[in-house]
């Protein structure tokens, strides 16, 4: 029962974390920058939002985004963020499917419980890989953006990526710890019932041997 609850919590955390990583990948509010001083930025009310795909100018009278078209001329932190975040988003989908199929409430025929444990372990490993793929760009991107002149603050996309990374790490660890490797878990429910009935059938053997002993004593 404890393993089932731990596995369910790991599945929920991993799914929420993967969704957070997907949201962070598809949005561009990673950092907010101002190229002027703090007083000038407050008076002009003009900010620049940067992400892995676009750079947006945000003000009271203007909202304009320009996509990064020169891929080879992009800084290393933007190219790395694109590659790793896309990899994390893609790997998260089969991981969530494997974890969903390994839930105790879902049964695929008379499969052994060890098969579910194996799927849970593989899904947990994939979630850990997803977390590490998202951890590098969410740390490197603000460091690279801070090298540019001006003031910088974190955006909600970056916070979403951090929360999603932590959730995937916790979910992956929970799923790895919830795997039951006991020998009895390798039997199917049908095999366990068969073993139970065979023990009942075997229980008649002592009675038969006592009857034979009584007959020999009578003779």
C-alpha atoms as a PDB file:
ATOM      1  CA  UNK A   1       0.000   0.000   0.000  1.00  0.00           C
ATOM      2  CA  UNK A   2       2.852   2.366   0.859  1.00  0.00           C
ATOM      3  CA  UNK A   3       4.566   1.614  -2.452  1.00  0.00           C
ATOM      4  CA  UNK A   4       1.343   2.336  -4.350  1.00  0.00           C
ATOM      5  CA  UNK A   5       0.901   5.709  -2.636  1.00  0.00           C
ATOM      6  CA  UNK A   6       4.537   6.605  -3.251  1.00  0.00           C
ATOM      7  CA  UNK A   7       4.231   5.587  -6.889  1.00  0.00           C
ATOM      8  CA  UNK A   8       1.048   7.629  -7.320  1.00  0.00           C
ATOM      9  CA  UNK A   9       2.669  10.712  -5.762  1.00  0.00           C
ATOM     10  CA  UNK A  10       5.695  10.255  -8.019  1.00  0.00           C
ATOM     11  CA  UNK A  11       3.469  10.023 -11.076  1.00  0.00           C
ATOM     12  CA  UNK A  12       1.552  13.206 -10.160  1.00  0.00           C
ATOM     13  CA  UNK A  13       4.707  15.198  -9.417  1.00  0.00           C
ATOM     14  CA  UNK A  14       6.416  13.973 -12.585  1.00  0.00           C
ATOM     15  CA  UNK A  15       3.425  14.842 -14.769  1.00  0.00           C
ATOM     16  CA  UNK A  16       3.098  18.324 -13.274  1.00  0.00           C
ATOM     17  CA  UNK A  17       6.831  18.871 -13.634  1.00  0.00           C
ATOM     18  CA  UNK A  18       6.786  17.831 -17.277  1.00  0.00           C
ATOM     19  CA  UNK A  19       3.896  20.210 -17.958  1.00  0.00           C
ATOM     20  CA  UNK A  20       5.855  23.019 -16.309  1.00  0.00           C
ATOM     21  CA  UNK A  21       8.867  22.281 -18.513  1.00  0.00           C
ATOM     22  CA  UNK A  22       6.681  22.284 -21.639  1.00  0.00           C
ATOM     23  CA  UNK A  23       5.208  25.655 -20.641  1.00  0.00           C
ATOM     24  CA  UNK A  24       8.665  27.092 -20.023  1.00  0.00           C
ATOM     25  CA  UNK A  25       9.861  25.787 -23.391  1.00  0.00           C
ATOM     26  CA  UNK A  26       6.994  27.309 -25.364  1.00  0.00           C
ATOM     27  CA  UNK A  27       7.028  30.764 -23.731  1.00  0.00           C
ATOM     28  CA  UNK A  28       9.527  33.619 -23.939  1.00  0.00           C
ATOM     29  CA  UNK A  29       9.249  35.331 -20.556  1.00  0.00           C
ATOM     30  CA  UNK A  30      12.483  33.909 -19.178  1.00  0.00           C
ATOM     31  CA  UNK A  31      14.164  37.178 -18.238  1.00  0.00           C
ATOM     32  CA  UNK A  32      13.031  40.799 -18.274  1.00  0.00           C
ATOM     33  CA  UNK A  33      15.665  43.400 -19.063  1.00  0.00           C
ATOM     34  CA  UNK A  34      15.997  47.174 -19.186  1.00  0.00           C
ATOM     35  CA  UNK A  35      18.887  48.781 -21.032  1.00  0.00           C
ATOM     36  CA  UNK A  36      18.716  51.995 -19.033  1.00  0.00           C
ATOM     37  CA  UNK A  37      19.048  52.910 -15.392  1.00  0.00           C
ATOM     38  CA  UNK A  38      16.339  52.048 -12.848  1.00  0.00           C
ATOM     39  CA  UNK A  39      14.919  55.563 -12.740  1.00  0.00           C
ATOM     40  CA  UNK A  40      14.819  55.848 -16.526  1.00  0.00           C
ATOM     41  CA  UNK A  41      13.159  52.431 -16.835  1.00  0.00           C
ATOM     42  CA  UNK A  42      10.433  53.454 -14.405  1.00  0.00           C
ATOM     43  CA  UNK A  43       9.757  56.708 -16.272  1.00  0.00           C
ATOM     44  CA  UNK A  44       9.758  55.154 -19.757  1.00  0.00           C
ATOM     45  CA  UNK A  45       7.973  51.994 -18.625  1.00  0.00           C
ATOM     46  CA  UNK A  46       9.705  50.011 -21.346  1.00  0.00           C
ATOM     47  CA  UNK A  47      11.020  46.513 -20.760  1.00  0.00           C
ATOM     48  CA  UNK A  48      12.506  43.798 -22.945  1.00  0.00           C
ATOM     49  CA  UNK A  49      11.471  40.192 -22.402  1.00  0.00           C
ATOM     50  CA  UNK A  50      13.800  37.485 -23.681  1.00  0.00           C
ATOM     51  CA  UNK A  51      13.363  33.772 -24.166  1.00  0.00           C
ATOM     52  CA  UNK A  52      14.785  30.968 -26.281  1.00  0.00           C
ATOM     53  CA  UNK A  53      12.674  31.893 -29.317  1.00  0.00           C
ATOM     54  CA  UNK A  54      11.835  35.604 -29.348  1.00  0.00           C
ATOM     55  CA  UNK A  55      12.700  38.990 -27.923  1.00  0.00           C
ATOM     56  CA  UNK A  56       9.721  41.159 -27.026  1.00  0.00           C
ATOM     57  CA  UNK A  57       9.451  44.865 -26.280  1.00  0.00           C
ATOM     58  CA  UNK A  58       6.826  45.554 -23.623  1.00  0.00           C
ATOM     59  CA  UNK A  59       5.511  49.020 -22.794  1.00  0.00           C
ATOM     60  CA  UNK A  60       2.198  50.737 -22.132  1.00  0.00           C
ATOM     61  CA  UNK A  61       1.727  51.643 -25.803  1.00  0.00           C
ATOM     62  CA  UNK A  62       3.708  48.909 -27.552  1.00  0.00           C
ATOM     63  CA  UNK A  63       4.032  45.158 -27.518  1.00  0.00           C
ATOM     64  CA  UNK A  64       6.210  43.787 -30.291  1.00  0.00           C
ATOM     65  CA  UNK A  65       8.103  40.502 -30.584  1.00  0.00           C
ATOM     66  CA  UNK A  66      10.866  39.653 -33.032  1.00  0.00           C
ATOM     67  CA  UNK A  67      11.910  36.039 -33.540  1.00  0.00           C
ATOM     68  CA  UNK A  68      15.519  34.906 -33.611  1.00  0.00           C
ATOM     69  CA  UNK A  69      16.097  34.159 -37.292  1.00  0.00           C
ATOM     70  CA  UNK A  70      19.893  33.928 -37.427  1.00  0.00           C
ATOM     71  CA  UNK A  71      20.311  30.573 -35.732  1.00  0.00           C
ATOM     72  CA  UNK A  72      24.061  30.262 -36.248  1.00  0.00           C
ATOM     73  CA  UNK A  73      24.679  33.717 -34.784  1.00  0.00           C
ATOM     74  CA  UNK A  74      22.781  33.104 -31.564  1.00  0.00           C
ATOM     75  CA  UNK A  75      24.692  32.981 -28.262  1.00  0.00           C
ATOM     76  CA  UNK A  76      25.622  29.599 -26.854  1.00  0.00           C
ATOM     77  CA  UNK A  77      23.211  29.822 -23.931  1.00  0.00           C
ATOM     78  CA  UNK A  78      20.213  30.318 -26.258  1.00  0.00           C
ATOM     79  CA  UNK A  79      21.185  27.441 -28.567  1.00  0.00           C
ATOM     80  CA  UNK A  80      21.796  25.130 -25.613  1.00  0.00           C
ATOM     81  CA  UNK A  81      18.485  26.139 -24.047  1.00  0.00           C
ATOM     82  CA  UNK A  82      16.612  25.310 -27.231  1.00  0.00           C
ATOM     83  CA  UNK A  83      18.232  21.899 -27.654  1.00  0.00           C
ATOM     84  CA  UNK A  84      17.918  20.724 -24.052  1.00  0.00           C
ATOM     85  CA  UNK A  85      14.404  22.042 -23.435  1.00  0.00           C
ATOM     86  CA  UNK A  86      13.101  20.412 -26.616  1.00  0.00           C
ATOM     87  CA  UNK A  87      14.789  17.151 -25.603  1.00  0.00           C
ATOM     88  CA  UNK A  88      13.207  17.334 -22.140  1.00  0.00           C
ATOM     89  CA  UNK A  89       9.756  18.023 -23.591  1.00  0.00           C
ATOM     90  CA  UNK A  90       9.997  15.102 -26.027  1.00  0.00           C
ATOM     91  CA  UNK A  91      11.348  12.588 -23.496  1.00  0.00           C
ATOM     92  CA  UNK A  92       8.641  13.503 -21.012  1.00  0.00           C
ATOM     93  CA  UNK A  93       5.829  12.152 -23.189  1.00  0.00           C
ATOM     94  CA  UNK A  94       6.925   8.462 -23.294  1.00  0.00           C
ATOM     95  CA  UNK A  95       7.898   8.742 -19.620  1.00  0.00           C
ATOM     96  CA  UNK A  96       4.372   9.831 -18.640  1.00  0.00           C
ATOM     97  CA  UNK A  97       2.847   7.048 -20.781  1.00  0.00           C
ATOM     98  CA  UNK A  98       5.065   4.411 -19.156  1.00  0.00           C
ATOM     99  CA  UNK A  99       4.246   5.691 -15.690  1.00  0.00           C
ATOM    100  CA  UNK A 100       0.534   5.724 -16.458  1.00  0.00           C
ATOM    101  CA  UNK A 101       0.695   2.081 -17.609  1.00  0.00           C
ATOM    102  CA  UNK A 102       2.551   1.118 -14.423  1.00  0.00           C
ATOM    103  CA  UNK A 103      -0.113   2.446 -12.050  1.00  0.00           C
ATOM    104  CA  UNK A 104      -1.647  -0.214  -9.725  1.00  0.00           C
ATOM    105  CA  UNK A 105      -5.183   0.700 -10.824  1.00  0.00           C
ATOM    106  CA  UNK A 106      -4.418  -0.118 -14.482  1.00  0.00           C
ATOM    107  CA  UNK A 107      -4.101  -3.774 -15.501  1.00  0.00           C
ATOM    108  CA  UNK A 108      -3.042  -5.058 -18.921  1.00  0.00           C
ATOM    109  CA  UNK A 109      -4.329  -8.622 -18.856  1.00  0.00           C
ATOM    110  CA  UNK A 110      -2.681 -11.164 -16.536  1.00  0.00           C
ATOM    111  CA  UNK A 111       0.718  -9.522 -16.598  1.00  0.00           C
ATOM    112  CA  UNK A 112       3.187 -10.000 -13.779  1.00  0.00           C
ATOM    113  CA  UNK A 113       3.632  -7.283 -11.207  1.00  0.00           C
ATOM    114  CA  UNK A 114       7.337  -7.199 -12.031  1.00  0.00           C
ATOM    115  CA  UNK A 115       6.470  -5.833 -15.487  1.00  0.00           C
ATOM    116  CA  UNK A 116       4.823  -2.809 -13.884  1.00  0.00           C
ATOM    117  CA  UNK A 117       7.864  -2.334 -11.677  1.00  0.00           C
ATOM    118  CA  UNK A 118      10.123  -2.336 -14.706  1.00  0.00           C
ATOM    119  CA  UNK A 119       7.969   0.246 -16.480  1.00  0.00           C
ATOM    120  CA  UNK A 120       7.933   2.408 -13.353  1.00  0.00           C
ATOM    121  CA  UNK A 121      11.723   2.237 -13.099  1.00  0.00           C
ATOM    122  CA  UNK A 122      12.188   3.113 -16.778  1.00  0.00           C
ATOM    123  CA  UNK A 123       9.715   5.988 -16.437  1.00  0.00           C
ATOM    124  CA  UNK A 124      11.507   7.223 -13.324  1.00  0.00           C
ATOM    125  CA  UNK A 125      14.873   7.146 -15.096  1.00  0.00           C
ATOM    126  CA  UNK A 126      13.417   9.082 -18.034  1.00  0.00           C
ATOM    127  CA  UNK A 127      12.002  11.670 -15.637  1.00  0.00           C
ATOM    128  CA  UNK A 128      15.408  12.120 -14.040  1.00  0.00           C
ATOM    129  CA  UNK A 129      16.910  12.640 -17.503  1.00  0.00           C
ATOM    130  CA  UNK A 130      14.166  15.186 -18.256  1.00  0.00           C
ATOM    131  CA  UNK A 131      14.971  17.012 -15.015  1.00  0.00           C
ATOM    132  CA  UNK A 132      18.698  17.176 -15.750  1.00  0.00           C
ATOM    133  CA  UNK A 133      18.040  18.342 -19.317  1.00  0.00           C
ATOM    134  CA  UNK A 134      15.891  21.197 -17.977  1.00  0.00           C
ATOM    135  CA  UNK A 135      18.231  22.021 -15.092  1.00  0.00           C
ATOM    136  CA  UNK A 136      21.152  23.104 -17.287  1.00  0.00           C
ATOM    137  CA  UNK A 137      19.326  25.701 -19.447  1.00  0.00           C
ATOM    138  CA  UNK A 138      17.283  27.145 -16.571  1.00  0.00           C
ATOM    139  CA  UNK A 139      20.555  27.946 -14.808  1.00  0.00           C
ATOM    140  CA  UNK A 140      22.684  28.862 -17.812  1.00  0.00           C
ATOM    141  CA  UNK A 141      20.162  31.111 -19.590  1.00  0.00           C
ATOM    142  CA  UNK A 142      19.895  33.810 -16.871  1.00  0.00           C
ATOM    143  CA  UNK A 143      23.675  33.729 -16.411  1.00  0.00           C
ATOM    144  CA  UNK A 144      24.197  34.301 -20.135  1.00  0.00           C
ATOM    145  CA  UNK A 145      21.538  37.019 -20.275  1.00  0.00           C
ATOM    146  CA  UNK A 146      23.134  38.792 -17.314  1.00  0.00           C
ATOM    147  CA  UNK A 147      26.304  39.291 -19.365  1.00  0.00           C
ATOM    148  CA  UNK A 148      24.467  41.866 -21.465  1.00  0.00           C
ATOM    149  CA  UNK A 149      24.408  45.505 -20.268  1.00  0.00           C
ATOM    150  CA  UNK A 150      21.366  46.676 -18.336  1.00  0.00           C
ATOM    151  CA  UNK A 151      19.172  45.490 -15.501  1.00  0.00           C
ATOM    152  CA  UNK A 152      17.729  41.995 -15.428  1.00  0.00           C
ATOM    153  CA  UNK A 153      14.986  40.214 -13.496  1.00  0.00           C
ATOM    154  CA  UNK A 154      13.605  36.704 -13.733  1.00  0.00           C
ATOM    155  CA  UNK A 155      10.379  36.019 -15.639  1.00  0.00           C
ATOM    156  CA  UNK A 156       7.567  33.577 -14.896  1.00  0.00           C
ATOM    157  CA  UNK A 157       8.777  31.151 -17.597  1.00  0.00           C
ATOM    158  CA  UNK A 158      12.043  30.703 -15.730  1.00  0.00           C
ATOM    159  CA  UNK A 159      10.239  30.118 -12.440  1.00  0.00           C
ATOM    160  CA  UNK A 160       7.976  27.598 -14.170  1.00  0.00           C
ATOM    161  CA  UNK A 161      11.022  25.771 -15.499  1.00  0.00           C
ATOM    162  CA  UNK A 162      12.607  25.650 -12.056  1.00  0.00           C
ATOM    163  CA  UNK A 163       9.460  24.318 -10.405  1.00  0.00           C
ATOM    164  CA  UNK A 164       8.998  21.747 -13.185  1.00  0.00           C
ATOM    165  CA  UNK A 165      12.602  20.596 -12.812  1.00  0.00           C
ATOM    166  CA  UNK A 166      12.257  20.131  -9.051  1.00  0.00           C
ATOM    167  CA  UNK A 167       8.973  18.237  -9.486  1.00  0.00           C
ATOM    168  CA  UNK A 168      10.532  15.904 -12.070  1.00  0.00           C
ATOM    169  CA  UNK A 169      13.497  15.241  -9.775  1.00  0.00           C
ATOM    170  CA  UNK A 170      11.269  14.452  -6.811  1.00  0.00           C
ATOM    171  CA  UNK A 171       8.895  12.351  -8.912  1.00  0.00           C
ATOM    172  CA  UNK A 172      11.723  10.369 -10.484  1.00  0.00           C
ATOM    173  CA  UNK A 173      13.298   9.624  -7.098  1.00  0.00           C
ATOM    174  CA  UNK A 174       9.921   8.556  -5.657  1.00  0.00           C
ATOM    175  CA  UNK A 175       9.301   6.222  -8.577  1.00  0.00           C
ATOM    176  CA  UNK A 176      12.741   4.662  -8.223  1.00  0.00           C
ATOM    177  CA  UNK A 177      12.150   4.114  -4.497  1.00  0.00           C
ATOM    178  CA  UNK A 178       8.636   2.711  -4.963  1.00  0.00           C
ATOM    179  CA  UNK A 179       9.704  -0.273  -7.084  1.00  0.00           C
ATOM    180  CA  UNK A 180       9.014  -3.605  -5.374  1.00  0.00           C
ATOM    181  CA  UNK A 181      11.661  -6.190  -6.237  1.00  0.00           C
ATOM    182  CA  UNK A 182      10.414  -9.001  -3.953  1.00  0.00           C
ATOM    183  CA  UNK A 183      10.278 -12.515  -5.494  1.00  0.00           C
ATOM    184  CA  UNK A 184       6.544 -12.834  -4.852  1.00  0.00           C
ATOM    185  CA  UNK A 185       5.847  -9.813  -7.047  1.00  0.00           C
ATOM    186  CA  UNK A 186       6.981 -11.716 -10.131  1.00  0.00           C
ATOM    187  CA  UNK A 187       3.940 -14.019  -9.999  1.00  0.00           C
ATOM    188  CA  UNK A 188       0.695 -13.031 -11.606  1.00  0.00           C
ATOM    189  CA  UNK A 189      -2.545 -13.038  -9.675  1.00  0.00           C
ATOM    190  CA  UNK A 190      -3.598 -16.166 -11.535  1.00  0.00           C
ATOM    191  CA  UNK A 191      -0.379 -17.946 -10.548  1.00  0.00           C
ATOM    192  CA  UNK A 192      -0.884 -17.022  -6.908  1.00  0.00           C
ATOM    193  CA  UNK A 193      -4.418 -18.487  -6.930  1.00  0.00           C
ATOM    194  CA  UNK A 194      -3.156 -21.625  -8.611  1.00  0.00           C
ATOM    195  CA  UNK A 195      -0.495 -22.016  -5.951  1.00  0.00           C
ATOM    196  CA  UNK A 196      -3.146 -21.573  -3.257  1.00  0.00           C
ATOM    197  CA  UNK A 197      -5.400 -24.291  -4.696  1.00  0.00           C
ATOM    198  CA  UNK A 198      -2.461 -26.622  -5.139  1.00  0.00           C
ATOM    199  CA  UNK A 199      -1.714 -26.228  -1.448  1.00  0.00           C
ATOM    200  CA  UNK A 200      -5.319 -27.156  -0.653  1.00  0.00           C
ATOM    201  CA  UNK A 201      -5.073 -30.178  -2.872  1.00  0.00           C
ATOM    202  CA  UNK A 202      -1.822 -31.138  -1.231  1.00  0.00           C
ATOM    203  CA  UNK A 203      -3.497 -30.939   2.157  1.00  0.00           C
ATOM    204  CA  UNK A 204      -5.376 -34.232   1.418  1.00  0.00           C
ATOM    205  CA  UNK A 205      -2.162 -36.231   1.214  1.00  0.00           C
ATOM    206  CA  UNK A 206      -1.665 -36.651   4.961  1.00  0.00           C
ATOM    207  CA  UNK A 207      -5.247 -37.889   5.322  1.00  0.00           C
ATOM    208  CA  UNK A 208      -4.728 -40.510   2.633  1.00  0.00           C
ATOM    209  CA  UNK A 209      -1.520 -41.730   4.219  1.00  0.00           C
ATOM    210  CA  UNK A 210      -3.227 -42.025   7.646  1.00  0.00           C
ATOM    211  CA  UNK A 211      -6.001 -44.169   6.111  1.00  0.00           C
ATOM    212  CA  UNK A 212      -3.456 -46.514   4.576  1.00  0.00           C
ATOM    213  CA  UNK A 213      -1.684 -46.752   7.916  1.00  0.00           C
ATOM    214  CA  UNK A 214      -4.974 -47.613   9.629  1.00  0.00           C
ATOM    215  CA  UNK A 215      -5.709 -50.348   7.101  1.00  0.00           C
ATOM    216  CA  UNK A 216      -2.285 -51.918   7.589  1.00  0.00           C
ATOM    217  CA  UNK A 217      -2.711 -51.829  11.335  1.00  0.00           C
ATOM    218  CA  UNK A 218      -6.126 -53.532  11.059  1.00  0.00           C
ATOM    219  CA  UNK A 219      -4.697 -56.344   8.993  1.00  0.00           C
END
